[in-house]
Structures are given as structure tokens and as C-alpha cells.
Amino acid sequence: MNLAQVLRTAPDAPSAFQSARQRSAELYADILAVAPGGDGRVDAEAVQSRPSILRRTAALLSEALPPGTDRLVCAAPDGIAATTALALHTGLPFATVTGTGDDARLTGEAHAGEHTVVVVPLVGTARDAAPPVLAATRAGLRVSCVLSVLDSGDRSVADTLLEQYGVRFHALFSTTPSRAPLGSTTDKKEVDPR
């Protein structure tokens, strides 16, 4: 029996550990506290400038990484902070995408055939995630999913990414309070991308 099990079964022991749901709810409350947009939007820059939020975000995002992920990809400059935190937490290397639309290019080391996850800190539309997905695909990487910290709550983001690019979408939280904390919006069971 481990310590958590002992504490759970002891009638007078206080709960010393937070559940995953409690950790997630606390992080979401902290994100909303530091970055209120007032109009339902969240200031992603304010969120990414807080090391304690980035550390906890990286831990939760790492739980959503599909097994066998070789590399992370993000759009520069918006995704650098969250992706760096996730890379430090997991030890996975990452590459960045610069430019937009057809001009989006992968920079940094990446190898064709690598199983890749695109990290986008705040997704408002599928267009926010499309440039890094397309640039990674053009470079020969196999993109298995897009991970986001915040989702605008628009179901079309997940649907568009799946239909147009064959890529799952997973956000930790919705900016719509009635739907916060989320989980995967396209696939509850994470599978090995290989």
C-alpha cells in the first residue's frame, strides 16, 4: 500500500494530495485570475509570463502527449513559452514555425518521419493551428495531434483539424466557463501514433 492509499483509508488523516481534477481546476482558476480578457478571451501572453502556471501547464500537457511522440512543434513567437516548458518537463526537442499561410516554414532541427505534436497555447480558430500543422507535414513530420492550453469553446476547431488534416485536437481548458476543464475534444483514448 502506498502513502496515498494509506491516507485515503485513514479516517482522521487530512487529504495531503490533490486529485488530477483538483490540480486542473486550480490551474484554470489561476489562469483566469492572471489574464482576464473581460470579453471571454484570455490574455495568452499574461498566462505564459508566469513560471508557476507554465510548470503546472507543462505537467498537464505532458499527460496528453501520445505515446511515441518524438518532437514538439510550435508557431513562433506565440507558442515558444508553453512549448519550452513542455520540452523541459518531458525532455522532448522542439522546432518552431515562422511565417503564416503558405509562407509558414519549419525552423530548427526536425527529421522526416518523426511523430510530432503541435503545441498552440491559445486556439481561437483552426487557422491558428493550421500553419504549424502544415509546415510540419510539409517537412515530412507525422503530426498526431494539436495540444492547446485554452480552447475558444468552438467545436469547429476540433472538427476542422480532424476533417482537413487528420489531426486530433486536445485542449486543457475552455474559455467558456461552463465547459472548463476539458480534456480531449476529439478522442478520449490517446493511442500510440506509430
C-alpha atoms as a PDB file:
ATOM      1  CA  MET A   1       0.000   0.000   0.000  1.00  0.00           C
ATOM      2  CA  ASN A   2       1.440   3.389  -0.965  1.00  0.00           C
ATOM      3  CA  LEU A   3       1.182   6.606   1.055  1.00  0.00           C
ATOM      4  CA  ALA A   4      -1.763   7.951  -0.924  1.00  0.00           C
ATOM      5  CA  GLN A   5      -3.728   4.754  -0.278  1.00  0.00           C
ATOM      6  CA  VAL A   6      -2.912   4.850   3.437  1.00  0.00           C
ATOM      7  CA  LEU A   7      -4.025   8.463   3.714  1.00  0.00           C
ATOM      8  CA  ARG A   8      -7.209   7.739   1.791  1.00  0.00           C
ATOM      9  CA  THR A   9      -8.194   4.896   4.111  1.00  0.00           C
ATOM     10  CA  ALA A  10      -7.236   6.578   7.402  1.00  0.00           C
ATOM     11  CA  PRO A  11     -10.416   8.074   8.914  1.00  0.00           C
ATOM     12  CA  ASP A  12      -8.725  11.052  10.592  1.00  0.00           C
ATOM     13  CA  ALA A  13      -5.970  11.853   8.079  1.00  0.00           C
ATOM     14  CA  PRO A  14      -6.307  15.081   6.106  1.00  0.00           C
ATOM     15  CA  SER A  15      -6.054  14.807   2.356  1.00  0.00           C
ATOM     16  CA  ALA A  16      -2.436  15.630   1.565  1.00  0.00           C
ATOM     17  CA  PHE A  17      -2.632  15.166  -2.189  1.00  0.00           C
ATOM     18  CA  GLN A  18      -4.756  16.894  -4.769  1.00  0.00           C
ATOM     19  CA  SER A  19      -6.523  14.793  -7.342  1.00  0.00           C
ATOM     20  CA  ALA A  20      -5.853  15.441 -11.011  1.00  0.00           C
ATOM     21  CA  ARG A  21      -9.239  17.153 -11.210  1.00  0.00           C
ATOM     22  CA  GLN A  22      -8.383  19.448  -8.281  1.00  0.00           C
ATOM     23  CA  ARG A  23      -4.991  20.338  -9.800  1.00  0.00           C
ATOM     24  CA  SER A  24      -6.635  21.095 -13.116  1.00  0.00           C
ATOM     25  CA  ALA A  25      -9.369  23.239 -11.558  1.00  0.00           C
ATOM     26  CA  GLU A  26      -6.817  25.196  -9.508  1.00  0.00           C
ATOM     27  CA  LEU A  27      -4.651  25.863 -12.565  1.00  0.00           C
ATOM     28  CA  TYR A  28      -7.676  27.006 -14.563  1.00  0.00           C
ATOM     29  CA  ALA A  29      -8.672  29.409 -11.773  1.00  0.00           C
ATOM     30  CA  ASP A  30      -5.119  30.787 -11.696  1.00  0.00           C
ATOM     31  CA  ILE A  31      -5.115  31.288 -15.471  1.00  0.00           C
ATOM     32  CA  LEU A  32      -8.379  33.198 -15.317  1.00  0.00           C
ATOM     33  CA  ALA A  33      -7.129  35.259 -12.363  1.00  0.00           C
ATOM     34  CA  VAL A  34      -3.956  36.492 -14.073  1.00  0.00           C
ATOM     35  CA  ALA A  35      -5.313  37.006 -17.551  1.00  0.00           C
ATOM     36  CA  PRO A  36      -8.928  38.128 -17.606  1.00  0.00           C
ATOM     37  CA  GLY A  37      -9.861  39.492 -21.001  1.00  0.00           C
ATOM     38  CA  GLY A  38     -13.237  40.782 -19.846  1.00  0.00           C
ATOM     39  CA  ASP A  39     -14.923  39.714 -23.070  1.00  0.00           C
ATOM     40  CA  GLY A  40     -14.493  35.959 -22.622  1.00  0.00           C
ATOM     41  CA  ARG A  41     -10.978  35.950 -24.055  1.00  0.00           C
ATOM     42  CA  VAL A  42      -7.875  35.176 -22.051  1.00  0.00           C
ATOM     43  CA  ASP A  43      -4.608  37.060 -22.456  1.00  0.00           C
ATOM     44  CA  ALA A  44      -2.241  34.254 -23.525  1.00  0.00           C
ATOM     45  CA  GLU A  45       0.828  36.451 -23.038  1.00  0.00           C
ATOM     46  CA  ALA A  46      -0.051  37.052 -19.383  1.00  0.00           C
ATOM     47  CA  VAL A  47      -0.509  33.311 -18.875  1.00  0.00           C
ATOM     48  CA  GLN A  48       2.840  32.488 -20.487  1.00  0.00           C
ATOM     49  CA  SER A  49       4.754  35.009 -18.405  1.00  0.00           C
ATOM     50  CA  ARG A  50       4.022  33.160 -15.138  1.00  0.00           C
ATOM     51  CA  PRO A  51       6.562  30.383 -14.401  1.00  0.00           C
ATOM     52  CA  SER A  52       4.321  28.661 -11.848  1.00  0.00           C
ATOM     53  CA  ILE A  53       1.491  28.483 -14.373  1.00  0.00           C
ATOM     54  CA  LEU A  54       3.823  27.268 -17.113  1.00  0.00           C
ATOM     55  CA  ARG A  55       5.214  24.494 -14.889  1.00  0.00           C
ATOM     56  CA  ARG A  56       1.761  23.186 -13.993  1.00  0.00           C
ATOM     57  CA  THR A  57       0.546  23.599 -17.571  1.00  0.00           C
ATOM     58  CA  ALA A  58       3.516  21.585 -18.848  1.00  0.00           C
ATOM     59  CA  ALA A  59       2.739  18.800 -16.389  1.00  0.00           C
ATOM     60  CA  LEU A  60      -0.892  18.595 -17.538  1.00  0.00           C
ATOM     61  CA  LEU A  61       0.009  18.869 -21.240  1.00  0.00           C
ATOM     62  CA  SER A  62       2.566  16.083 -20.838  1.00  0.00           C
ATOM     63  CA  GLU A  63      -0.214  13.744 -19.686  1.00  0.00           C
ATOM     64  CA  ALA A  64      -1.973  14.381 -23.010  1.00  0.00           C
ATOM     65  CA  LEU A  65       1.066  13.586 -25.184  1.00  0.00           C
ATOM     66  CA  PRO A  66       0.518  10.450 -27.257  1.00  0.00           C
ATOM     67  CA  PRO A  67       2.995   7.654 -26.515  1.00  0.00           C
ATOM     68  CA  GLY A  68       5.856   7.610 -29.003  1.00  0.00           C
ATOM     69  CA  THR A  69       5.987  11.373 -29.549  1.00  0.00           C
ATOM     70  CA  ASP A  70       9.437  12.303 -30.911  1.00  0.00           C
ATOM     71  CA  ARG A  71       9.221  16.083 -31.263  1.00  0.00           C
ATOM     72  CA  LEU A  72       7.119  19.111 -30.449  1.00  0.00           C
ATOM     73  CA  VAL A  73       6.385  21.902 -32.932  1.00  0.00           C
ATOM     74  CA  CYS A  74       5.042  25.376 -32.227  1.00  0.00           C
ATOM     75  CA  ALA A  75       4.414  28.645 -34.016  1.00  0.00           C
ATOM     76  CA  ALA A  76       6.893  31.401 -33.149  1.00  0.00           C
ATOM     77  CA  PRO A  77       6.645  33.587 -31.194  1.00  0.00           C
ATOM     78  CA  ASP A  78       3.262  32.754 -29.625  1.00  0.00           C
ATOM     79  CA  GLY A  79       3.935  29.142 -28.744  1.00  0.00           C
ATOM     80  CA  ILE A  80       7.545  29.338 -27.600  1.00  0.00           C
ATOM     81  CA  ALA A  81       6.986  29.746 -23.834  1.00  0.00           C
ATOM     82  CA  ALA A  82       4.441  26.934 -23.442  1.00  0.00           C
ATOM     83  CA  THR A  83       6.404  24.628 -25.747  1.00  0.00           C
ATOM     84  CA  THR A  84       9.683  25.327 -23.964  1.00  0.00           C
ATOM     85  CA  ALA A  85       8.041  24.490 -20.632  1.00  0.00           C
ATOM     86  CA  LEU A  86       6.657  21.247 -22.086  1.00  0.00           C
ATOM     87  CA  ALA A  87      10.025  20.379 -23.646  1.00  0.00           C
ATOM     88  CA  LEU A  88      11.817  20.954 -20.331  1.00  0.00           C
ATOM     89  CA  HIS A  89       9.235  18.849 -18.495  1.00  0.00           C
ATOM     90  CA  THR A  90       9.387  15.929 -20.938  1.00  0.00           C
ATOM     91  CA  GLY A  91      12.868  16.160 -22.427  1.00  0.00           C
ATOM     92  CA  LEU A  92      11.409  16.262 -25.944  1.00  0.00           C
ATOM     93  CA  PRO A  93      13.100  18.509 -28.517  1.00  0.00           C
ATOM     94  CA  PHE A  94      11.073  21.042 -30.463  1.00  0.00           C
ATOM     95  CA  ALA A  95      11.137  23.018 -33.682  1.00  0.00           C
ATOM     96  CA  THR A  96       9.395  26.281 -34.471  1.00  0.00           C
ATOM     97  CA  VAL A  97       7.325  27.519 -37.362  1.00  0.00           C
ATOM     98  CA  THR A  98       7.757  31.048 -38.654  1.00  0.00           C
ATOM     99  CA  GLY A  99       5.506  32.812 -41.117  1.00  0.00           C
ATOM    100  CA  THR A 100       1.854  32.303 -41.896  1.00  0.00           C
ATOM    101  CA  GLY A 101      -0.202  30.556 -44.523  1.00  0.00           C
ATOM    102  CA  ASP A 102       1.809  29.247 -47.466  1.00  0.00           C
ATOM    103  CA  ASP A 103       4.880  31.119 -46.168  1.00  0.00           C
ATOM    104  CA  ALA A 104       4.979  29.119 -42.907  1.00  0.00           C
ATOM    105  CA  ARG A 105       8.325  27.310 -42.609  1.00  0.00           C
ATOM    106  CA  LEU A 106       9.724  24.898 -40.056  1.00  0.00           C
ATOM    107  CA  THR A 107      12.965  26.112 -38.465  1.00  0.00           C
ATOM    108  CA  GLY A 108      15.267  24.166 -36.225  1.00  0.00           C
ATOM    109  CA  GLU A 109      16.149  20.515 -36.253  1.00  0.00           C
ATOM    110  CA  ALA A 110      13.472  18.076 -37.360  1.00  0.00           C
ATOM    111  CA  HIS A 111      13.667  14.746 -39.140  1.00  0.00           C
ATOM    112  CA  ALA A 112      11.208  13.330 -41.642  1.00  0.00           C
ATOM    113  CA  GLY A 113       9.095  10.574 -40.163  1.00  0.00           C
ATOM    114  CA  GLU A 114       9.211  11.851 -36.575  1.00  0.00           C
ATOM    115  CA  HIS A 115       5.975  11.588 -34.626  1.00  0.00           C
ATOM    116  CA  THR A 116       5.120  15.152 -33.760  1.00  0.00           C
ATOM    117  CA  VAL A 117       2.695  17.098 -31.600  1.00  0.00           C
ATOM    118  CA  VAL A 118       1.910  20.734 -32.393  1.00  0.00           C
ATOM    119  CA  VAL A 119       1.576  22.988 -29.336  1.00  0.00           C
ATOM    120  CA  VAL A 120      -0.625  26.073 -29.654  1.00  0.00           C
ATOM    121  CA  PRO A 121      -1.181  27.979 -26.398  1.00  0.00           C
ATOM    122  CA  LEU A 122      -4.480  29.638 -27.338  1.00  0.00           C
ATOM    123  CA  VAL A 123      -6.651  28.417 -30.184  1.00  0.00           C
ATOM    124  CA  GLY A 124      -9.458  30.614 -31.425  1.00  0.00           C
ATOM    125  CA  THR A 125      -9.902  29.031 -34.838  1.00  0.00           C
ATOM    126  CA  ALA A 126      -8.493  26.135 -36.813  1.00  0.00           C
ATOM    127  CA  ARG A 127      -6.460  28.754 -38.711  1.00  0.00           C
ATOM    128  CA  ASP A 128      -4.406  29.337 -35.553  1.00  0.00           C
ATOM    129  CA  ALA A 129      -3.256  25.716 -35.606  1.00  0.00           C
ATOM    130  CA  ALA A 130      -3.089  25.211 -39.372  1.00  0.00           C
ATOM    131  CA  PRO A 131       0.291  26.902 -40.158  1.00  0.00           C
ATOM    132  CA  PRO A 132       2.368  24.766 -37.769  1.00  0.00           C
ATOM    133  CA  VAL A 133       0.475  21.612 -38.784  1.00  0.00           C
ATOM    134  CA  LEU A 134       1.019  22.308 -42.487  1.00  0.00           C
ATOM    135  CA  ALA A 135       4.685  23.310 -42.076  1.00  0.00           C
ATOM    136  CA  ALA A 136       5.425  20.172 -40.042  1.00  0.00           C
ATOM    137  CA  THR A 137       3.621  17.973 -42.565  1.00  0.00           C
ATOM    138  CA  ARG A 138       5.489  19.573 -45.492  1.00  0.00           C
ATOM    139  CA  ALA A 139       8.754  18.839 -43.662  1.00  0.00           C
ATOM    140  CA  GLY A 140       7.802  15.148 -43.540  1.00  0.00           C
ATOM    141  CA  LEU A 141       6.829  15.020 -39.865  1.00  0.00           C
ATOM    142  CA  ARG A 142       3.857  12.926 -38.760  1.00  0.00           C
ATOM    143  CA  VAL A 143       1.560  15.196 -36.772  1.00  0.00           C
ATOM    144  CA  SER A 144      -0.637  13.178 -34.421  1.00  0.00           C
ATOM    145  CA  CYS A 145      -2.392  15.966 -32.539  1.00  0.00           C
ATOM    146  CA  VAL A 146      -2.565  19.618 -31.624  1.00  0.00           C
ATOM    147  CA  LEU A 147      -2.306  20.399 -27.902  1.00  0.00           C
ATOM    148  CA  SER A 148      -3.629  23.658 -26.577  1.00  0.00           C
ATOM    149  CA  VAL A 149      -3.854  25.203 -23.151  1.00  0.00           C
ATOM    150  CA  LEU A 150      -7.041  27.103 -23.968  1.00  0.00           C
ATOM    151  CA  ASP A 151      -9.800  26.452 -26.468  1.00  0.00           C
ATOM    152  CA  SER A 152     -12.257  29.126 -27.512  1.00  0.00           C
ATOM    153  CA  GLY A 153     -15.033  26.604 -26.979  1.00  0.00           C
ATOM    154  CA  ASP A 154     -15.909  26.465 -30.663  1.00  0.00           C
ATOM    155  CA  ARG A 155     -16.372  22.801 -31.600  1.00  0.00           C
ATOM    156  CA  SER A 156     -15.467  23.607 -35.215  1.00  0.00           C
ATOM    157  CA  VAL A 157     -11.749  23.854 -34.289  1.00  0.00           C
ATOM    158  CA  ALA A 158     -11.547  20.158 -33.413  1.00  0.00           C
ATOM    159  CA  ASP A 159     -13.799  19.159 -36.302  1.00  0.00           C
ATOM    160  CA  THR A 160     -11.824  21.174 -38.878  1.00  0.00           C
ATOM    161  CA  LEU A 161      -8.447  19.863 -37.711  1.00  0.00           C
ATOM    162  CA  LEU A 162      -9.697  16.297 -37.852  1.00  0.00           C
ATOM    163  CA  GLU A 163     -11.502  16.631 -41.198  1.00  0.00           C
ATOM    164  CA  GLN A 164      -8.958  18.729 -43.107  1.00  0.00           C
ATOM    165  CA  TYR A 165      -5.677  17.500 -41.620  1.00  0.00           C
ATOM    166  CA  GLY A 166      -6.460  14.182 -39.908  1.00  0.00           C
ATOM    167  CA  VAL A 167      -5.146  15.607 -36.640  1.00  0.00           C
ATOM    168  CA  ARG A 168      -6.804  15.322 -33.227  1.00  0.00           C
ATOM    169  CA  PHE A 169      -7.226  18.391 -31.023  1.00  0.00           C
ATOM    170  CA  HIS A 170      -6.812  18.382 -27.251  1.00  0.00           C
ATOM    171  CA  ALA A 171      -7.219  21.432 -25.028  1.00  0.00           C
ATOM    172  CA  LEU A 172      -6.745  21.558 -21.291  1.00  0.00           C
ATOM    173  CA  PHE A 173      -9.367  24.232 -20.742  1.00  0.00           C
ATOM    174  CA  SER A 174     -12.188  26.006 -22.468  1.00  0.00           C
ATOM    175  CA  THR A 175     -12.559  29.761 -22.260  1.00  0.00           C
ATOM    176  CA  THR A 176     -16.277  29.068 -21.908  1.00  0.00           C
ATOM    177  CA  PRO A 177     -16.748  28.799 -18.118  1.00  0.00           C
ATOM    178  CA  SER A 178     -19.493  26.179 -18.364  1.00  0.00           C
ATOM    179  CA  ARG A 179     -17.085  23.857 -20.166  1.00  0.00           C
ATOM    180  CA  ALA A 180     -13.823  24.422 -18.249  1.00  0.00           C
ATOM    181  CA  PRO A 181     -11.588  21.990 -17.656  1.00  0.00           C
ATOM    182  CA  LEU A 182     -11.984  19.939 -20.795  1.00  0.00           C
ATOM    183  CA  GLY A 183      -9.898  17.031 -21.903  1.00  0.00           C
ATOM    184  CA  SER A 184      -9.660  15.795 -25.448  1.00  0.00           C
ATOM    185  CA  THR A 185     -12.364  17.113 -27.707  1.00  0.00           C
ATOM    186  CA  THR A 186     -11.882  14.556 -30.453  1.00  0.00           C
ATOM    187  CA  ASP A 187     -10.589  11.415 -28.817  1.00  0.00           C
ATOM    188  CA  LYS A 188     -10.840  10.294 -25.218  1.00  0.00           C
ATOM    189  CA  LYS A 189      -8.336   7.480 -25.649  1.00  0.00           C
ATOM    190  CA  GLU A 190      -4.821   8.526 -26.579  1.00  0.00           C
ATOM    191  CA  VAL A 191      -3.138   5.989 -28.826  1.00  0.00           C
ATOM    192  CA  ASP A 192       0.406   5.354 -29.898  1.00  0.00           C
ATOM    193  CA  PRO A 193       0.854   7.301 -33.173  1.00  0.00           C
ATOM    194  CA  ARG A 194       3.120   4.625 -34.570  1.00  0.00           C
END
